[in-house]
Protein backbone atom coordinates (compact mmCIF):
# COMPACT_ATOMS: atom_id res chain seq x y z
CA MET A 1 -6.69 -43.89 32.99
CA ASP A 2 -8.03 -40.42 33.67
CA LEU A 3 -5.17 -38.19 32.58
CA ALA A 4 -6.73 -34.94 33.82
CA GLY A 5 -5.43 -35.30 37.36
CA LYS A 6 -2.00 -36.59 36.47
CA ARG A 7 1.39 -34.91 36.28
CA LEU A 8 2.52 -35.30 32.70
CA CYS A 9 5.80 -34.83 30.85
CA VAL A 10 5.93 -34.71 27.03
CA THR A 11 9.38 -34.91 25.48
CA GLY A 12 9.31 -33.20 22.11
CA GLY A 13 6.23 -31.33 23.36
CA ALA A 14 7.32 -28.11 21.67
CA GLY A 15 7.81 -29.88 18.32
CA PHE A 16 5.53 -30.79 15.44
CA LEU A 17 3.64 -33.83 16.81
CA GLY A 18 4.30 -32.99 20.45
CA SER A 19 2.66 -29.57 20.31
CA PHE A 20 -0.57 -31.19 19.13
CA VAL A 21 -0.33 -33.87 21.80
CA VAL A 22 0.00 -31.12 24.45
CA GLU A 23 -3.07 -29.36 23.00
CA THR A 24 -5.05 -32.62 23.00
CA LEU A 25 -4.10 -33.26 26.64
CA ARG A 26 -5.24 -29.75 27.58
CA GLN A 27 -8.55 -30.45 25.84
CA ARG A 28 -8.87 -33.49 28.13
CA GLY A 29 -8.55 -31.22 31.14
CA CYS A 30 -4.84 -31.80 31.84
CA ARG A 31 -3.19 -28.83 33.48
CA ASP A 32 0.07 -30.14 34.91
CA ILE A 33 2.05 -30.69 31.69
CA PHE A 34 5.84 -30.34 31.65
CA VAL A 35 7.44 -29.70 28.26
CA PRO A 36 11.25 -29.90 28.40
CA ARG A 37 13.24 -27.79 25.94
CA LYS A 38 16.46 -28.99 24.38
CA ARG A 39 18.38 -25.89 25.58
CA ASP A 40 17.60 -26.96 29.18
CA TYR A 41 17.64 -30.75 28.82
CA ASP A 42 19.78 -32.45 26.19
CA LEU A 43 18.16 -35.87 26.41
CA THR A 44 21.14 -37.59 24.78
CA ARG A 45 22.94 -37.01 28.10
CA PRO A 46 21.95 -39.28 31.00
CA GLU A 47 22.34 -36.52 33.61
CA ALA A 48 19.93 -34.30 31.66
CA VAL A 49 17.35 -37.10 31.53
CA ARG A 50 17.61 -37.58 35.30
CA LYS A 51 17.33 -33.83 35.91
CA MET A 52 14.27 -33.60 33.67
CA LEU A 53 12.47 -36.36 35.54
CA THR A 54 13.50 -34.89 38.90
CA ASP A 55 12.17 -31.48 37.89
CA SER A 56 8.91 -32.70 36.38
CA ARG A 57 8.10 -35.76 38.61
CA PRO A 58 5.74 -37.18 35.97
CA GLU A 59 3.16 -39.84 36.61
CA VAL A 60 2.68 -40.21 32.87
CA LEU A 61 5.50 -39.74 30.34
CA PHE A 62 5.10 -39.30 26.58
CA HIS A 63 8.37 -39.82 24.68
CA LEU A 64 7.97 -38.03 21.36
CA ALA A 65 11.38 -36.33 21.00
CA ALA A 66 13.40 -37.61 18.06
CA SER A 67 16.19 -36.75 15.66
CA VAL A 68 14.34 -37.14 12.37
CA GLY A 69 14.05 -36.03 8.77
CA GLY A 70 13.20 -37.11 5.23
CA ILE A 71 15.16 -39.40 2.89
CA GLY A 72 17.86 -36.80 2.30
CA ALA A 73 18.40 -36.12 6.01
CA ASN A 74 18.52 -39.84 6.73
CA ARG A 75 21.13 -40.40 4.02
CA HIS A 76 23.36 -37.62 5.40
CA ASN A 77 22.93 -38.41 9.11
CA PRO A 78 22.70 -42.19 9.59
CA GLY A 79 25.09 -42.27 12.56
CA LYS A 80 23.58 -39.23 14.22
CA PHE A 81 20.03 -40.50 13.79
CA PHE A 82 20.92 -43.94 15.13
CA TYR A 83 22.89 -42.74 18.15
CA GLU A 84 20.68 -39.90 19.27
CA ASN A 85 17.39 -41.79 18.98
CA ALA A 86 18.75 -44.92 20.62
CA VAL A 87 20.57 -43.30 23.53
CA MET A 88 17.79 -40.82 24.22
CA GLY A 89 15.06 -43.45 24.36
CA ILE A 90 16.99 -46.15 26.18
CA GLU A 91 18.08 -43.81 28.99
CA LEU A 92 14.67 -42.20 29.27
CA ILE A 93 12.85 -45.52 29.63
CA GLU A 94 15.41 -46.74 32.16
CA GLN A 95 15.13 -43.59 34.28
CA ALA A 96 11.32 -43.69 34.02
CA ARG A 97 11.50 -47.20 35.48
CA LEU A 98 13.86 -46.17 38.26
CA THR A 99 11.76 -43.16 39.26
CA GLY A 100 8.48 -45.06 39.24
CA VAL A 101 6.68 -43.35 36.36
CA GLU A 102 3.19 -44.81 36.31
CA LYS A 103 2.84 -45.08 32.53
CA THR A 104 5.20 -44.41 29.61
CA ILE A 105 4.01 -43.89 26.00
CA VAL A 106 6.70 -44.27 23.36
CA ALA A 107 6.23 -43.13 19.73
CA GLY A 108 8.02 -45.43 17.32
CA THR A 109 8.27 -45.08 13.55
CA ILE A 110 6.96 -46.72 10.42
CA CYS A 111 10.61 -46.84 9.29
CA ALA A 112 11.03 -49.81 11.66
CA TYR A 113 9.16 -52.11 9.27
CA PRO A 114 11.07 -54.36 6.84
CA LYS A 115 11.66 -52.94 3.36
CA PHE A 116 9.42 -55.51 1.66
CA THR A 117 6.71 -55.87 4.29
CA PRO A 118 3.51 -57.34 2.79
CA VAL A 119 0.76 -54.73 2.41
CA PRO A 120 -1.03 -53.84 4.60
CA PHE A 121 1.69 -53.73 7.28
CA ARG A 122 0.64 -55.73 10.32
CA GLU A 123 2.37 -55.34 13.65
CA ASP A 124 3.37 -59.02 13.60
CA ASP A 125 5.52 -58.33 10.49
CA LEU A 126 7.93 -55.98 12.30
CA TRP A 127 10.70 -58.54 12.60
CA ASN A 128 10.37 -60.27 9.22
CA GLY A 129 13.23 -58.49 7.45
CA TYR A 130 15.60 -55.51 7.39
CA PRO A 131 14.25 -51.93 7.02
CA GLU A 132 14.67 -49.86 3.87
CA GLU A 133 18.35 -48.94 3.68
CA THR A 134 18.10 -45.15 3.62
CA ASN A 135 16.30 -44.98 6.97
CA ALA A 136 17.31 -48.28 8.59
CA PRO A 137 19.58 -46.73 11.27
CA TYR A 138 16.73 -44.49 12.46
CA GLY A 139 14.14 -47.29 12.24
CA ILE A 140 16.29 -49.83 14.11
CA ALA A 141 17.15 -47.35 16.87
CA LYS A 142 13.45 -46.70 17.44
CA LYS A 143 12.54 -50.38 17.20
CA ALA A 144 15.03 -51.16 19.98
CA LEU A 145 12.80 -49.11 22.29
CA LEU A 146 9.94 -51.52 21.62
CA VAL A 147 12.14 -54.38 22.80
CA GLN A 148 13.08 -52.39 25.89
CA CYS A 149 9.44 -51.59 26.72
CA GLN A 150 8.47 -55.24 26.40
CA ALA A 151 11.48 -56.47 28.37
CA TYR A 152 10.87 -53.96 31.19
CA ARG A 153 7.21 -54.92 31.34
CA GLU A 154 8.16 -58.57 31.64
CA GLN A 155 10.94 -58.17 34.23
CA TYR A 156 9.88 -55.07 36.19
CA GLY A 157 6.15 -54.78 35.55
CA MET A 158 6.66 -51.40 33.87
CA ASN A 159 3.58 -50.06 32.10
CA ALA A 160 5.11 -48.91 28.82
CA ILE A 161 3.28 -48.92 25.50
CA TYR A 162 4.62 -48.45 21.98
CA LEU A 163 2.79 -46.85 19.05
CA LEU A 164 3.80 -46.80 15.37
CA PRO A 165 2.52 -43.67 13.60
CA VAL A 166 2.73 -43.69 9.81
CA ASN A 167 4.18 -40.66 7.92
CA LEU A 168 2.80 -37.51 9.58
CA TYR A 169 1.92 -34.17 8.02
CA GLY A 170 0.02 -31.03 8.92
CA PRO A 171 0.39 -27.47 10.26
CA ARG A 172 3.69 -26.64 12.04
CA ASP A 173 5.59 -29.28 10.04
CA ASN A 174 9.19 -28.73 8.94
CA PHE A 175 9.17 -27.09 5.49
CA ASP A 176 12.96 -26.89 5.07
CA LEU A 177 13.75 -28.56 1.73
CA GLN A 178 17.03 -29.92 3.09
CA SER A 179 15.48 -31.89 5.94
CA SER A 180 11.71 -32.06 5.44
CA HIS A 181 9.50 -35.03 4.65
CA VAL A 182 7.73 -35.38 1.34
CA ILE A 183 4.46 -33.49 1.93
CA PRO A 184 5.90 -30.24 3.33
CA ALA A 185 8.60 -30.35 0.64
CA LEU A 186 5.99 -30.72 -2.11
CA ILE A 187 3.82 -27.93 -0.70
CA ARG A 188 6.79 -25.58 -0.56
CA LYS A 189 7.89 -26.51 -4.10
CA CYS A 190 4.40 -26.12 -5.55
CA GLU A 191 3.72 -22.85 -3.80
CA GLN A 192 7.04 -21.37 -4.92
CA ALA A 193 6.57 -22.64 -8.46
CA ARG A 194 3.08 -21.10 -8.62
CA LYS A 195 4.38 -17.74 -7.41
CA ASP A 196 7.30 -17.85 -9.89
CA ASN A 197 5.16 -19.20 -12.74
CA ALA A 198 7.78 -21.94 -13.10
CA ALA A 199 7.43 -24.44 -15.96
CA GLU A 200 8.18 -27.47 -13.80
CA ILE A 201 8.95 -28.85 -10.36
CA VAL A 202 11.32 -31.71 -9.60
CA GLY A 203 10.25 -34.85 -7.76
CA TRP A 204 12.60 -37.39 -6.21
CA GLY A 205 12.73 -40.91 -7.60
CA ASP A 206 10.29 -42.09 -10.27
CA GLY A 207 6.97 -41.48 -8.52
CA THR A 208 5.97 -45.15 -8.28
CA PRO A 209 6.40 -45.79 -4.49
CA THR A 210 3.27 -45.60 -2.38
CA ARG A 211 2.84 -43.96 1.00
CA GLU A 212 0.20 -43.58 3.67
CA PHE A 213 -0.08 -40.31 5.55
CA LEU A 214 -1.66 -39.42 8.88
CA TYR A 215 -2.82 -35.93 9.74
CA VAL A 216 -0.99 -34.73 12.83
CA GLU A 217 -4.10 -33.95 14.89
CA ASP A 218 -5.37 -37.50 14.29
CA ALA A 219 -2.00 -38.86 15.42
CA ALA A 220 -2.12 -36.79 18.61
CA GLU A 221 -5.62 -38.06 19.36
CA GLY A 222 -4.42 -41.63 18.79
CA LEU A 223 -1.51 -41.27 21.21
CA VAL A 224 -3.60 -39.70 23.94
CA THR A 225 -6.39 -42.26 23.50
CA ALA A 226 -3.86 -45.07 23.80
CA ALA A 227 -2.51 -43.49 26.97
CA GLU A 228 -6.01 -43.55 28.40
CA ARG A 229 -7.14 -46.96 27.21
CA TYR A 230 -4.28 -49.27 26.21
CA ASP A 231 -2.03 -51.23 28.58
CA LYS A 232 -0.55 -54.13 26.63
CA PRO A 233 2.97 -55.02 25.39
CA ASP A 234 2.09 -55.37 21.71
CA PRO A 235 2.94 -52.48 19.38
CA VAL A 236 0.05 -50.68 17.67
CA ASN A 237 -0.08 -49.02 14.25
CA LEU A 238 -1.57 -45.55 13.87
CA GLY A 239 -2.53 -44.74 10.30
CA SER A 240 -5.22 -43.46 7.96
CA GLY A 241 -5.66 -46.50 5.74
CA GLU A 242 -5.23 -44.38 2.55
CA GLU A 243 -2.44 -45.45 0.19
CA ILE A 244 -1.31 -43.14 -2.62
CA THR A 245 1.57 -43.21 -5.10
CA ILE A 246 4.07 -40.39 -4.86
CA ALA A 247 3.16 -39.39 -8.42
CA ASP A 248 -0.51 -39.06 -7.48
CA LEU A 249 0.45 -37.20 -4.30
CA VAL A 250 2.43 -34.69 -6.35
CA GLY A 251 -0.56 -34.24 -8.67
CA LEU A 252 -2.99 -33.77 -5.78
CA THR A 253 -0.72 -31.31 -3.96
CA ALA A 254 -0.10 -29.30 -7.14
CA ARG A 255 -3.86 -29.11 -7.83
CA LEU A 256 -4.66 -27.96 -4.29
CA CYS A 257 -1.89 -25.37 -4.49
CA GLY A 258 -3.15 -24.12 -7.86
CA TYR A 259 0.04 -25.08 -9.70
CA SER A 260 -0.41 -26.44 -13.25
CA GLY A 261 3.14 -26.90 -14.45
CA ALA A 262 4.99 -30.11 -15.31
CA VAL A 263 6.71 -32.57 -13.00
CA ARG A 264 10.21 -33.82 -13.84
CA TRP A 265 11.33 -36.92 -11.98
CA ASP A 266 14.94 -37.05 -10.83
CA THR A 267 15.63 -40.79 -10.90
CA SER A 268 19.14 -40.28 -9.54
CA GLN A 269 17.44 -39.75 -6.16
CA PRO A 270 16.18 -42.71 -4.11
CA ASN A 271 12.61 -43.92 -4.08
CA GLY A 272 12.75 -45.20 -0.53
CA GLN A 273 10.52 -48.07 0.57
CA PRO A 274 8.47 -49.44 -2.33
CA ARG A 275 5.07 -49.42 -0.54
CA ARG A 276 3.61 -48.29 2.77
CA LYS A 277 0.09 -49.00 3.95
CA LEU A 278 -0.84 -50.02 7.48
CA ASP A 279 -3.35 -52.41 8.96
CA THR A 280 -4.90 -50.27 11.71
CA SER A 281 -7.39 -52.83 12.98
CA ARG A 282 -5.52 -53.33 16.29
CA ALA A 283 -5.91 -49.66 17.27
CA ALA A 284 -9.63 -49.81 16.49
CA ALA A 285 -10.12 -53.05 18.43
CA GLU A 286 -7.94 -52.25 21.44
CA PHE A 287 -8.79 -48.61 22.12
CA GLY A 288 -11.39 -47.55 19.60
CA TRP A 289 -9.23 -45.17 17.56
CA ARG A 290 -9.58 -44.41 13.87
CA ALA A 291 -8.21 -41.51 11.83
CA GLY A 292 -10.83 -38.92 11.02
CA THR A 293 -9.15 -36.70 8.38
CA THR A 294 -8.94 -37.60 4.69
CA LEU A 295 -5.68 -36.86 2.85
CA GLU A 296 -7.29 -34.22 0.67
CA ASP A 297 -8.84 -32.39 3.62
CA GLY A 298 -5.61 -32.60 5.57
CA LEU A 299 -3.58 -31.27 2.66
CA ARG A 300 -5.97 -28.29 2.30
CA LYS A 301 -5.56 -27.49 6.00
CA THR A 302 -1.78 -27.79 5.74
CA ILE A 303 -1.55 -25.59 2.64
CA ASP A 304 -3.78 -22.96 4.28
CA TRP A 305 -1.52 -22.97 7.36
CA TYR A 306 1.65 -22.69 5.24
CA ARG A 307 0.26 -19.73 3.35
CA SER A 308 -0.66 -17.90 6.55
CA ALA A 309 2.50 -18.75 8.49
């Protein structure tokens, strides 16, 4: 699909991932891109979804909007995260079908995978268990949209695809310690500790879980490339292939920030899922996408952005 001549709508297009998707689309020559704002279109309300699609008349729809946060935010907002993500996505996909949107691209979440998924996570493992408890409501709400995309393709011939990005990070991320994910929280803690000459920083859990991280510009490229080249019902992982323990991540982030103090682990806080590492071979085989940014390079870029913001 040549996206350059299409009318596009990107929900969440003013947010962290969405803003980079919009930039990537513009680099592809796309000019007709509609970015709805929450103040104008509350996508948890069906009438707002219908109004947004009437106003934008998209031929291609990217659904990236989400109610999301780190472990702490998920623990405090399980009902909100379940309801808002489910109702927003379900209504949007239904109205996209009814209005004849040519192609719909839905961003899922790595939180949809079972807690004890064998490493590396393969897309066929999605249904082999229950997600990690602290983010299960969010993960299940997003996974329901995969079922909807597949069901609508089967019954109505709707061209809807579903991508599973691993944990994202990069410039423009949310650095609020109350709601952020692990990398922006660590950068903020290390930068503040360096400025204050603090003796230690506090990490959540015991540092043993592993995670994989994907630089946001790589994720945006993956989503846009899938929109251009992928038209199948099967979900597709988007990841970097690099697995790192949280303890090693803290050490790497502290070194890149220039902080040399100690790390104290608060084991009263949850570890989250024990391991995360994706098999990304399907993305490479189906639409030729691979991540291009190493974790260390991406962290440097993110720290530089944070310092200049």
